[in-house]
Amino acid sequence: MTASILAAFLYGLLAFIGGIIGYLKSRSQISLISGCFSGMLLLSGALATLRGNPWGLKMAMIVTAILVIVFIIRGLKTRKVMPAGVMVGFGILALVVMAIGQ
């Protein structure tokens, strides 16, 4: 398993678990749906890359970039580190690792 696959996998888990936590804390169905959906896309991309499909990492990078943009906008609106700052920070790190490993 390469670092890029691991980055996609870990960021996917973070998004998935974050969606569940968002739902449990504030009953936000949007958090649950978007977190689980984006998490599953990232996990699918990591698995596809692990199985030798080159499109998997590209998909994971696109989903990660979209999440970073969404959480930057959300962070600017709320001025809260949690969850926006955490998702932006880990998202940028994951993007860099995925881009280097490509």
PDB file of N, CA and C in Angstrom:
ATOM      1  N   MET A   1       0.851  -1.177   0.000  1.00  0.00           N
ATOM      2  CA  MET A   1       0.000   0.000   0.000  1.00  0.00           C
ATOM      3  C   MET A   1       0.896   1.238   0.000  1.00  0.00           C
ATOM      4  N   THR A   2       0.639   2.119  -0.957  1.00  0.00           N
ATOM      5  CA  THR A   2       1.445   3.327  -1.067  1.00  0.00           C
ATOM      6  C   THR A   2       0.903   4.422  -0.149  1.00  0.00           C
ATOM      7  N   ALA A   3       1.691   5.468   0.011  1.00  0.00           N
ATOM      8  CA  ALA A   3       1.279   6.593   0.854  1.00  0.00           C
ATOM      9  C   ALA A   3       0.045   7.285   0.278  1.00  0.00           C
ATOM     10  N   SER A   4      -0.065   7.361  -1.040  1.00  0.00           N
ATOM     11  CA  SER A   4      -1.225   8.017  -1.654  1.00  0.00           C
ATOM     12  C   SER A   4      -2.514   7.236  -1.395  1.00  0.00           C
ATOM     13  N   ILE A   5      -2.437   5.927  -1.449  1.00  0.00           N
ATOM     14  CA  ILE A   5      -3.616   5.102  -1.147  1.00  0.00           C
ATOM     15  C   ILE A   5      -3.986   5.241   0.319  1.00  0.00           C
ATOM     16  N   LEU A   6      -2.987   5.236   1.175  1.00  0.00           N
ATOM     17  CA  LEU A   6      -3.230   5.396   2.609  1.00  0.00           C
ATOM     18  C   LEU A   6      -3.852   6.752   2.916  1.00  0.00           C
ATOM     19  N   ALA A   7      -3.381   7.807   2.249  1.00  0.00           N
ATOM     20  CA  ALA A   7      -3.937   9.145   2.456  1.00  0.00           C
ATOM     21  C   ALA A   7      -5.406   9.192   2.042  1.00  0.00           C
ATOM     22  N   ALA A   8      -5.734   8.608   0.890  1.00  0.00           N
ATOM     23  CA  ALA A   8      -7.130   8.581   0.428  1.00  0.00           C
ATOM     24  C   ALA A   8      -7.993   7.776   1.393  1.00  0.00           C
ATOM     25  N   PHE A   9      -7.464   6.659   1.856  1.00  0.00           N
ATOM     26  CA  PHE A   9      -8.198   5.803   2.783  1.00  0.00           C
ATOM     27  C   PHE A   9      -8.462   6.519   4.110  1.00  0.00           C
ATOM     28  N   LEU A  10      -7.428   7.130   4.678  1.00  0.00           N
ATOM     29  CA  LEU A  10      -7.583   7.800   5.976  1.00  0.00           C
ATOM     30  C   LEU A  10      -8.489   9.023   5.885  1.00  0.00           C
ATOM     31  N   TYR A  11      -8.367   9.795   4.807  1.00  0.00           N
ATOM     32  CA  TYR A  11      -9.245  10.962   4.660  1.00  0.00           C
ATOM     33  C   TYR A  11     -10.689  10.513   4.418  1.00  0.00           C
ATOM     34  N   GLY A  12     -10.850   9.394   3.718  1.00  0.00           N
ATOM     35  CA  GLY A  12     -12.188   8.832   3.536  1.00  0.00           C
ATOM     36  C   GLY A  12     -12.809   8.405   4.855  1.00  0.00           C
ATOM     37  N   LEU A  13     -12.015   7.756   5.699  1.00  0.00           N
ATOM     38  CA  LEU A  13     -12.508   7.384   7.025  1.00  0.00           C
ATOM     39  C   LEU A  13     -12.875   8.614   7.851  1.00  0.00           C
ATOM     40  N   LEU A  14     -12.029   9.642   7.782  1.00  0.00           N
ATOM     41  CA  LEU A  14     -12.292  10.878   8.516  1.00  0.00           C
ATOM     42  C   LEU A  14     -13.603  11.514   8.062  1.00  0.00           C
ATOM     43  N   ALA A  15     -13.828  11.570   6.757  1.00  0.00           N
ATOM     44  CA  ALA A  15     -15.068  12.137   6.227  1.00  0.00           C
ATOM     45  C   ALA A  15     -16.277  11.302   6.641  1.00  0.00           C
ATOM     46  N   PHE A  16     -16.149   9.994   6.534  1.00  0.00           N
ATOM     47  CA  PHE A  16     -17.252   9.094   6.882  1.00  0.00           C
ATOM     48  C   PHE A  16     -17.614   9.209   8.361  1.00  0.00           C
ATOM     49  N   ILE A  17     -16.608   9.107   9.223  1.00  0.00           N
ATOM     50  CA  ILE A  17     -16.848   9.187  10.664  1.00  0.00           C
ATOM     51  C   ILE A  17     -17.307  10.588  11.056  1.00  0.00           C
ATOM     52  N   GLY A  18     -16.749  11.604  10.393  1.00  0.00           N
ATOM     53  CA  GLY A  18     -17.174  12.979  10.663  1.00  0.00           C
ATOM     54  C   GLY A  18     -18.634  13.210  10.337  1.00  0.00           C
ATOM     55  N   GLY A  19     -19.118  12.604   9.269  1.00  0.00           N
ATOM     56  CA  GLY A  19     -20.540  12.720   8.928  1.00  0.00           C
ATOM     57  C   GLY A  19     -21.429  12.097   9.983  1.00  0.00           C
ATOM     58  N   ILE A  20     -20.997  10.965  10.507  1.00  0.00           N
ATOM     59  CA  ILE A  20     -21.762  10.300  11.569  1.00  0.00           C
ATOM     60  C   ILE A  20     -21.742  11.136  12.842  1.00  0.00           C
ATOM     61  N   ILE A  21     -20.583  11.670  13.203  1.00  0.00           N
ATOM     62  CA  ILE A  21     -20.478  12.506  14.410  1.00  0.00           C
ATOM     63  C   ILE A  21     -21.317  13.772  14.252  1.00  0.00           C
ATOM     64  N   GLY A  22     -21.285  14.386  13.065  1.00  0.00           N
ATOM     65  CA  GLY A  22     -22.105  15.573  12.812  1.00  0.00           C
ATOM     66  C   GLY A  22     -23.582  15.289  12.998  1.00  0.00           C
ATOM     67  N   TYR A  23     -23.993  14.118  12.581  1.00  0.00           N
ATOM     68  CA  TYR A  23     -25.399  13.743  12.756  1.00  0.00           C
ATOM     69  C   TYR A  23     -25.725  13.516  14.232  1.00  0.00           C
ATOM     70  N   LEU A  24     -24.851  12.816  14.930  1.00  0.00           N
ATOM     71  CA  LEU A  24     -25.110  12.519  16.339  1.00  0.00           C
ATOM     72  C   LEU A  24     -25.109  13.776  17.211  1.00  0.00           C
ATOM     73  N   LYS A  25     -24.248  14.734  16.881  1.00  0.00           N
ATOM     74  CA  LYS A  25     -24.151  15.950  17.699  1.00  0.00           C
ATOM     75  C   LYS A  25     -25.283  16.927  17.430  1.00  0.00           C
ATOM     76  N   SER A  26     -25.638  17.109  16.162  1.00  0.00           N
ATOM     77  CA  SER A  26     -26.619  18.148  15.845  1.00  0.00           C
ATOM     78  C   SER A  26     -27.808  17.657  15.023  1.00  0.00           C
ATOM     79  N   ARG A  27     -27.926  16.342  14.894  1.00  0.00           N
ATOM     80  CA  ARG A  27     -29.022  15.744  14.116  1.00  0.00           C
ATOM     81  C   ARG A  27     -29.066  16.276  12.685  1.00  0.00           C
ATOM     82  N   SER A  28     -27.900  16.574  12.138  1.00  0.00           N
ATOM     83  CA  SER A  28     -27.800  17.105  10.786  1.00  0.00           C
ATOM     84  C   SER A  28     -27.778  15.958   9.783  1.00  0.00           C
ATOM     85  N   GLN A  29     -28.893  15.807   9.069  1.00  0.00           N
ATOM     86  CA  GLN A  29     -28.958  14.765   8.055  1.00  0.00           C
ATOM     87  C   GLN A  29     -28.037  15.080   6.878  1.00  0.00           C
ATOM     88  N   ILE A  30     -27.830  16.372   6.629  1.00  0.00           N
ATOM     89  CA  ILE A  30     -26.909  16.782   5.560  1.00  0.00           C
ATOM     90  C   ILE A  30     -25.494  16.291   5.874  1.00  0.00           C
ATOM     91  N   SER A  31     -25.064  16.434   7.135  1.00  0.00           N
ATOM     92  CA  SER A  31     -23.745  15.959   7.542  1.00  0.00           C
ATOM     93  C   SER A  31     -23.628  14.456   7.347  1.00  0.00           C
ATOM     94  N   LEU A  32     -24.658  13.751   7.750  1.00  0.00           N
ATOM     95  CA  LEU A  32     -24.650  12.294   7.631  1.00  0.00           C
ATOM     96  C   LEU A  32     -24.552  11.865   6.172  1.00  0.00           C
ATOM     97  N   ILE A  33     -25.404  12.424   5.336  1.00  0.00           N
ATOM     98  CA  ILE A  33     -25.448  12.025   3.927  1.00  0.00           C
ATOM     99  C   ILE A  33     -24.171  12.430   3.200  1.00  0.00           C
ATOM    100  N   SER A  34     -23.755  13.691   3.348  1.00  0.00           N
ATOM    101  CA  SER A  34     -22.576  14.153   2.616  1.00  0.00           C
ATOM    102  C   SER A  34     -21.301  13.510   3.147  1.00  0.00           C
ATOM    103  N   GLY A  35     -21.197  13.340   4.454  1.00  0.00           N
ATOM    104  CA  GLY A  35     -20.015  12.708   5.028  1.00  0.00           C
ATOM    105  C   GLY A  35     -19.884  11.256   4.607  1.00  0.00           C
ATOM    106  N   CYS A  36     -20.979  10.524   4.693  1.00  0.00           N
ATOM    107  CA  CYS A  36     -20.938   9.107   4.306  1.00  0.00           C
ATOM    108  C   CYS A  36     -20.720   8.946   2.801  1.00  0.00           C
ATOM    109  N   PHE A  37     -21.365   9.794   2.003  1.00  0.00           N
ATOM    110  CA  PHE A  37     -21.211   9.712   0.546  1.00  0.00           C
ATOM    111  C   PHE A  37     -19.781  10.035   0.124  1.00  0.00           C
ATOM    112  N   SER A  38     -19.253  11.159   0.617  1.00  0.00           N
ATOM    113  CA  SER A  38     -17.887  11.520   0.220  1.00  0.00           C
ATOM    114  C   SER A  38     -16.871  10.534   0.804  1.00  0.00           C
ATOM    115  N   GLY A  39     -17.123  10.061   2.006  1.00  0.00           N
ATOM    116  CA  GLY A  39     -16.242   9.057   2.594  1.00  0.00           C
ATOM    117  C   GLY A  39     -16.214   7.782   1.778  1.00  0.00           C
ATOM    118  N   MET A  40     -17.378   7.341   1.328  1.00  0.00           N
ATOM    119  CA  MET A  40     -17.444   6.129   0.514  1.00  0.00           C
ATOM    120  C   MET A  40     -16.757   6.330  -0.844  1.00  0.00           C
ATOM    121  N   LEU A  41     -16.892   7.515  -1.429  1.00  0.00           N
ATOM    122  CA  LEU A  41     -16.194   7.791  -2.683  1.00  0.00           C
ATOM    123  C   LEU A  41     -14.674   7.724  -2.490  1.00  0.00           C
ATOM    124  N   LEU A  42     -14.199   8.309  -1.390  1.00  0.00           N
ATOM    125  CA  LEU A  42     -12.765   8.281  -1.107  1.00  0.00           C
ATOM    126  C   LEU A  42     -12.275   6.863  -0.825  1.00  0.00           C
ATOM    127  N   LEU A  43     -13.037   6.119  -0.048  1.00  0.00           N
ATOM    128  CA  LEU A  43     -12.658   4.732   0.237  1.00  0.00           C
ATOM    129  C   LEU A  43     -12.689   3.888  -1.039  1.00  0.00           C
ATOM    130  N   SER A  44     -13.672   4.131  -1.894  1.00  0.00           N
ATOM    131  CA  SER A  44     -13.751   3.415  -3.174  1.00  0.00           C
ATOM    132  C   SER A  44     -12.566   3.754  -4.066  1.00  0.00           C
ATOM    133  N   GLY A  45     -12.180   5.031  -4.065  1.00  0.00           N
ATOM    134  CA  GLY A  45     -11.015   5.441  -4.847  1.00  0.00           C
ATOM    135  C   GLY A  45      -9.740   4.778  -4.353  1.00  0.00           C
ATOM    136  N   ALA A  46      -9.587   4.710  -3.030  1.00  0.00           N
ATOM    137  CA  ALA A  46      -8.407   4.050  -2.455  1.00  0.00           C
ATOM    138  C   ALA A  46      -8.393   2.567  -2.816  1.00  0.00           C
ATOM    139  N   LEU A  47      -9.543   1.912  -2.703  1.00  0.00           N
ATOM    140  CA  LEU A  47      -9.629   0.490  -3.028  1.00  0.00           C
ATOM    141  C   LEU A  47      -9.373   0.239  -4.517  1.00  0.00           C
ATOM    142  N   ALA A  48      -9.938   1.100  -5.360  1.00  0.00           N
ATOM    143  CA  ALA A  48      -9.723   0.943  -6.804  1.00  0.00           C
ATOM    144  C   ALA A  48      -8.244   1.105  -7.150  1.00  0.00           C
ATOM    145  N   THR A  49      -7.588   2.075  -6.529  1.00  0.00           N
ATOM    146  CA  THR A  49      -6.157   2.284  -6.776  1.00  0.00           C
ATOM    147  C   THR A  49      -5.356   1.094  -6.289  1.00  0.00           C
ATOM    148  N   LEU A  50      -5.741   0.565  -5.138  1.00  0.00           N
ATOM    149  CA  LEU A  50      -5.062  -0.602  -4.586  1.00  0.00           C
ATOM    150  C   LEU A  50      -5.174  -1.795  -5.532  1.00  0.00           C
ATOM    151  N   ARG A  51      -6.284  -1.874  -6.241  1.00  0.00           N
ATOM    152  CA  ARG A  51      -6.500  -2.968  -7.196  1.00  0.00           C
ATOM    153  C   ARG A  51      -5.928  -2.679  -8.583  1.00  0.00           C
ATOM    154  N   GLY A  52      -5.240  -1.543  -8.726  1.00  0.00           N
ATOM    155  CA  GLY A  52      -4.565  -1.257  -9.986  1.00  0.00           C
ATOM    156  C   GLY A  52      -5.303  -0.364 -10.950  1.00  0.00           C
ATOM    157  N   ASN A  53      -6.418   0.208 -10.552  1.00  0.00           N
ATOM    158  CA  ASN A  53      -7.164   1.104 -11.429  1.00  0.00           C
ATOM    159  C   ASN A  53      -6.665   2.539 -11.241  1.00  0.00           C
ATOM    160  N   PRO A  54      -6.085   3.134 -12.287  1.00  0.00           N
ATOM    161  CA  PRO A  54      -5.504   4.468 -12.133  1.00  0.00           C
ATOM    162  C   PRO A  54      -6.527   5.570 -11.885  1.00  0.00           C
ATOM    163  N   TRP A  55      -7.779   5.360 -12.267  1.00  0.00           N
ATOM    164  CA  TRP A  55      -8.801   6.383 -12.060  1.00  0.00           C
ATOM    165  C   TRP A  55      -9.170   6.540 -10.585  1.00  0.00           C
ATOM    166  N   GLY A  56      -8.874   5.548  -9.760  1.00  0.00           N
ATOM    167  CA  GLY A  56      -9.250   5.607  -8.344  1.00  0.00           C
ATOM    168  C   GLY A  56      -8.585   6.750  -7.615  1.00  0.00           C
ATOM    169  N   LEU A  57      -7.306   6.951  -7.847  1.00  0.00           N
ATOM    170  CA  LEU A  57      -6.587   8.034  -7.184  1.00  0.00           C
ATOM    171  C   LEU A  57      -7.032   9.386  -7.713  1.00  0.00           C
ATOM    172  N   LYS A  58      -7.306   9.472  -8.998  1.00  0.00           N
ATOM    173  CA  LYS A  58      -7.801  10.725  -9.566  1.00  0.00           C
ATOM    174  C   LYS A  58      -9.149  11.090  -8.954  1.00  0.00           C
ATOM    175  N   MET A  59     -10.026  10.110  -8.813  1.00  0.00           N
ATOM    176  CA  MET A  59     -11.325  10.366  -8.203  1.00  0.00           C
ATOM    177  C   MET A  59     -11.149  10.823  -6.756  1.00  0.00           C
ATOM    178  N   ALA A  60     -10.272  10.168  -6.023  1.00  0.00           N
ATOM    179  CA  ALA A  60     -10.035  10.535  -4.630  1.00  0.00           C
ATOM    180  C   ALA A  60      -9.487  11.956  -4.533  1.00  0.00           C
ATOM    181  N   MET A  61      -8.626  12.334  -5.462  1.00  0.00           N
ATOM    182  CA  MET A  61      -8.074  13.688  -5.446  1.00  0.00           C
ATOM    183  C   MET A  61      -9.146  14.733  -5.754  1.00  0.00           C
ATOM    184  N   ILE A  62     -10.032  14.427  -6.681  1.00  0.00           N
ATOM    185  CA  ILE A  62     -11.118  15.366  -7.019  1.00  0.00           C
ATOM    186  C   ILE A  62     -12.059  15.532  -5.836  1.00  0.00           C
ATOM    187  N   VAL A  63     -12.455  14.423  -5.210  1.00  0.00           N
ATOM    188  CA  VAL A  63     -13.357  14.486  -4.051  1.00  0.00           C
ATOM    189  C   VAL A  63     -12.687  15.253  -2.915  1.00  0.00           C
ATOM    190  N   THR A  64     -11.411  15.005  -2.677  1.00  0.00           N
ATOM    191  CA  THR A  64     -10.683  15.698  -1.623  1.00  0.00           C
ATOM    192  C   THR A  64     -10.621  17.198  -1.906  1.00  0.00           C
ATOM    193  N   ALA A  65     -10.331  17.569  -3.143  1.00  0.00           N
ATOM    194  CA  ALA A  65     -10.270  18.986  -3.503  1.00  0.00           C
ATOM    195  C   ALA A  65     -11.617  19.671  -3.299  1.00  0.00           C
ATOM    196  N   ILE A  66     -12.690  18.990  -3.674  1.00  0.00           N
ATOM    197  CA  ILE A  66     -14.031  19.548  -3.478  1.00  0.00           C
ATOM    198  C   ILE A  66     -14.313  19.728  -1.987  1.00  0.00           C
ATOM    199  N   LEU A  67     -13.960  18.730  -1.179  1.00  0.00           N
ATOM    200  CA  LEU A  67     -14.172  18.838   0.263  1.00  0.00           C
ATOM    201  C   LEU A  67     -13.364  19.978   0.876  1.00  0.00           C
ATOM    202  N   VAL A  68     -12.134  20.153   0.421  1.00  0.00           N
ATOM    203  CA  VAL A  68     -11.307  21.255   0.935  1.00  0.00           C
ATOM    204  C   VAL A  68     -11.970  22.594   0.620  1.00  0.00           C
ATOM    205  N   ILE A  69     -12.452  22.761  -0.598  1.00  0.00           N
ATOM    206  CA  ILE A  69     -13.120  24.013  -0.983  1.00  0.00           C
ATOM    207  C   ILE A  69     -14.375  24.225  -0.151  1.00  0.00           C
ATOM    208  N   VAL A  70     -15.190  23.191  -0.003  1.00  0.00           N
ATOM    209  CA  VAL A  70     -16.422  23.300   0.780  1.00  0.00           C
ATOM    210  C   VAL A  70     -16.119  23.679   2.224  1.00  0.00           C
ATOM    211  N   PHE A  71     -15.098  23.049   2.814  1.00  0.00           N
ATOM    212  CA  PHE A  71     -14.792  23.331   4.210  1.00  0.00           C
ATOM    213  C   PHE A  71     -14.070  24.661   4.393  1.00  0.00           C
ATOM    214  N   ILE A  72     -13.371  25.154   3.375  1.00  0.00           N
ATOM    215  CA  ILE A  72     -12.819  26.517   3.456  1.00  0.00           C
ATOM    216  C   ILE A  72     -13.969  27.515   3.518  1.00  0.00           C
ATOM    217  N   ILE A  73     -14.947  27.350   2.645  1.00  0.00           N
ATOM    218  CA  ILE A  73     -16.116  28.245   2.641  1.00  0.00           C
ATOM    219  C   ILE A  73     -16.849  28.150   3.971  1.00  0.00           C
ATOM    220  N   ARG A  74     -17.045  26.932   4.455  1.00  0.00           N
ATOM    221  CA  ARG A  74     -17.738  26.737   5.732  1.00  0.00           C
ATOM    222  C   ARG A  74     -16.953  27.348   6.889  1.00  0.00           C
ATOM    223  N   GLY A  75     -15.642  27.202   6.871  1.00  0.00           N
ATOM    224  CA  GLY A  75     -14.797  27.760   7.915  1.00  0.00           C
ATOM    225  C   GLY A  75     -14.812  29.277   7.920  1.00  0.00           C
ATOM    226  N   LEU A  76     -14.847  29.878   6.738  1.00  0.00           N
ATOM    227  CA  LEU A  76     -14.923  31.335   6.653  1.00  0.00           C
ATOM    228  C   LEU A  76     -16.244  31.857   7.204  1.00  0.00           C
ATOM    229  N   LYS A  77     -17.303  31.083   7.018  1.00  0.00           N
ATOM    230  CA  LYS A  77     -18.618  31.490   7.528  1.00  0.00           C
ATOM    231  C   LYS A  77     -18.725  31.312   9.036  1.00  0.00           C
ATOM    232  N   THR A  78     -18.270  30.173   9.542  1.00  0.00           N
ATOM    233  CA  THR A  78     -18.467  29.852  10.961  1.00  0.00           C
ATOM    234  C   THR A  78     -17.318  30.288  11.855  1.00  0.00           C
ATOM    235  N   ARG A  79     -16.131  30.448  11.279  1.00  0.00           N
ATOM    236  CA  ARG A  79     -14.924  30.790  12.045  1.00  0.00           C
ATOM    237  C   ARG A  79     -14.606  29.752  13.119  1.00  0.00           C
ATOM    238  N   LYS A  80     -14.987  28.507  12.871  1.00  0.00           N
ATOM    239  CA  LYS A  80     -14.724  27.425  13.825  1.00  0.00           C
ATOM    240  C   LYS A  80     -13.675  26.476  13.263  1.00  0.00           C
ATOM    241  N   VAL A  81     -12.815  26.018  14.152  1.00  0.00           N
ATOM    242  CA  VAL A  81     -11.775  25.078  13.745  1.00  0.00           C
ATOM    243  C   VAL A  81     -12.352  23.689  13.548  1.00  0.00           C
ATOM    244  N   MET A  82     -13.356  23.355  14.331  1.00  0.00           N
ATOM    245  CA  MET A  82     -13.955  22.023  14.263  1.00  0.00           C
ATOM    246  C   MET A  82     -15.329  22.116  13.641  1.00  0.00           C
ATOM    247  N   PRO A  83     -15.631  21.464  12.578  1.00  0.00           N
ATOM    248  CA  PRO A  83     -14.842  20.509  11.807  1.00  0.00           C
ATOM    249  C   PRO A  83     -14.100  21.126  10.626  1.00  0.00           C
ATOM    250  N   ALA A  84     -14.426  22.376  10.275  1.00  0.00           N
ATOM    251  CA  ALA A  84     -13.899  22.948   9.024  1.00  0.00           C
ATOM    252  C   ALA A  84     -12.376  22.992   8.984  1.00  0.00           C
ATOM    253  N   GLY A  85     -11.759  23.518  10.006  1.00  0.00           N
ATOM    254  CA  GLY A  85     -10.301  23.643  10.015  1.00  0.00           C
ATOM    255  C   GLY A  85      -9.601  22.301   9.956  1.00  0.00           C
ATOM    256  N   VAL A  86     -10.147  21.336  10.674  1.00  0.00           N
ATOM    257  CA  VAL A  86      -9.558  19.993  10.689  1.00  0.00           C
ATOM    258  C   VAL A  86      -9.665  19.353   9.305  1.00  0.00           C
ATOM    259  N   MET A  87     -10.829  19.463   8.690  1.00  0.00           N
ATOM    260  CA  MET A  87     -11.023  18.860   7.366  1.00  0.00           C
ATOM    261  C   MET A  87     -10.180  19.553   6.300  1.00  0.00           C
ATOM    262  N   VAL A  88     -10.004  20.866   6.412  1.00  0.00           N
ATOM    263  CA  VAL A  88      -9.155  21.582   5.457  1.00  0.00           C
ATOM    264  C   VAL A  88      -7.701  21.161   5.635  1.00  0.00           C
ATOM    265  N   GLY A  89      -7.234  21.150   6.875  1.00  0.00           N
ATOM    266  CA  GLY A  89      -5.845  20.790   7.145  1.00  0.00           C
ATOM    267  C   GLY A  89      -5.503  19.384   6.675  1.00  0.00           C
ATOM    268  N   PHE A  90      -6.319  18.419   7.086  1.00  0.00           N
ATOM    269  CA  PHE A  90      -6.067  17.040   6.672  1.00  0.00           C
ATOM    270  C   PHE A  90      -6.312  16.852   5.176  1.00  0.00           C
ATOM    271  N   GLY A  91      -7.253  17.608   4.614  1.00  0.00           N
ATOM    272  CA  GLY A  91      -7.523  17.508   3.181  1.00  0.00           C
ATOM    273  C   GLY A  91      -6.353  17.985   2.344  1.00  0.00           C
ATOM    274  N   ILE A  92      -5.761  19.108   2.743  1.00  0.00           N
ATOM    275  CA  ILE A  92      -4.599  19.615   2.012  1.00  0.00           C
ATOM    276  C   ILE A  92      -3.437  18.637   2.137  1.00  0.00           C
ATOM    277  N   LEU A  93      -3.233  18.121   3.338  1.00  0.00           N
ATOM    278  CA  LEU A  93      -2.170  17.128   3.537  1.00  0.00           C
ATOM    279  C   LEU A  93      -2.408  15.897   2.667  1.00  0.00           C
ATOM    280  N   ALA A  94      -3.649  15.412   2.651  1.00  0.00           N
ATOM    281  CA  ALA A  94      -3.975  14.237   1.829  1.00  0.00           C
ATOM    282  C   ALA A  94      -3.768  14.528   0.347  1.00  0.00           C
ATOM    283  N   LEU A  95      -4.171  15.725  -0.111  1.00  0.00           N
ATOM    284  CA  LEU A  95      -3.973  16.090  -1.509  1.00  0.00           C
ATOM    285  C   LEU A  95      -2.499  16.113  -1.887  1.00  0.00           C
ATOM    286  N   VAL A  96      -1.674  16.680  -1.023  1.00  0.00           N
ATOM    287  CA  VAL A  96      -0.238  16.746  -1.305  1.00  0.00           C
ATOM    288  C   VAL A  96       0.340  15.328  -1.405  1.00  0.00           C
ATOM    289  N   VAL A  97      -0.020  14.475  -0.447  1.00  0.00           N
ATOM    290  CA  VAL A  97       0.486  13.100  -0.463  1.00  0.00           C
ATOM    291  C   VAL A  97       0.007  12.359  -1.699  1.00  0.00           C
ATOM    292  N   MET A  98      -1.266  12.542  -2.068  1.00  0.00           N
ATOM    293  CA  MET A  98      -1.788  11.874  -3.255  1.00  0.00           C
ATOM    294  C   MET A  98      -1.128  12.400  -4.522  1.00  0.00           C
ATOM    295  N   ALA A  99      -0.871  13.698  -4.597  1.00  0.00           N
ATOM    296  CA  ALA A  99      -0.247  14.285  -5.793  1.00  0.00           C
ATOM    297  C   ALA A  99       1.205  13.804  -5.935  1.00  0.00           C
ATOM    298  N   ILE A 100       1.901  13.700  -4.835  1.00  0.00           N
ATOM    299  CA  ILE A 100       3.289  13.215  -4.888  1.00  0.00           C
ATOM    300  C   ILE A 100       3.326  11.752  -5.307  1.00  0.00           C
ATOM    301  N   GLY A 101       2.362  10.977  -4.825  1.00  0.00           N
ATOM    302  CA  GLY A 101       2.339   9.544  -5.118  1.00  0.00           C
ATOM    303  C   GLY A 101       1.787   9.185  -6.473  1.00  0.00           C
ATOM    304  N   GLN A 102       1.307  10.169  -7.203  1.00  0.00           N
ATOM    305  CA  GLN A 102       0.670   9.893  -8.487  1.00  0.00           C
ATOM    306  C   GLN A 102       1.657   9.583  -9.565  1.00  0.00           C
TER     307      GLN A 102
END
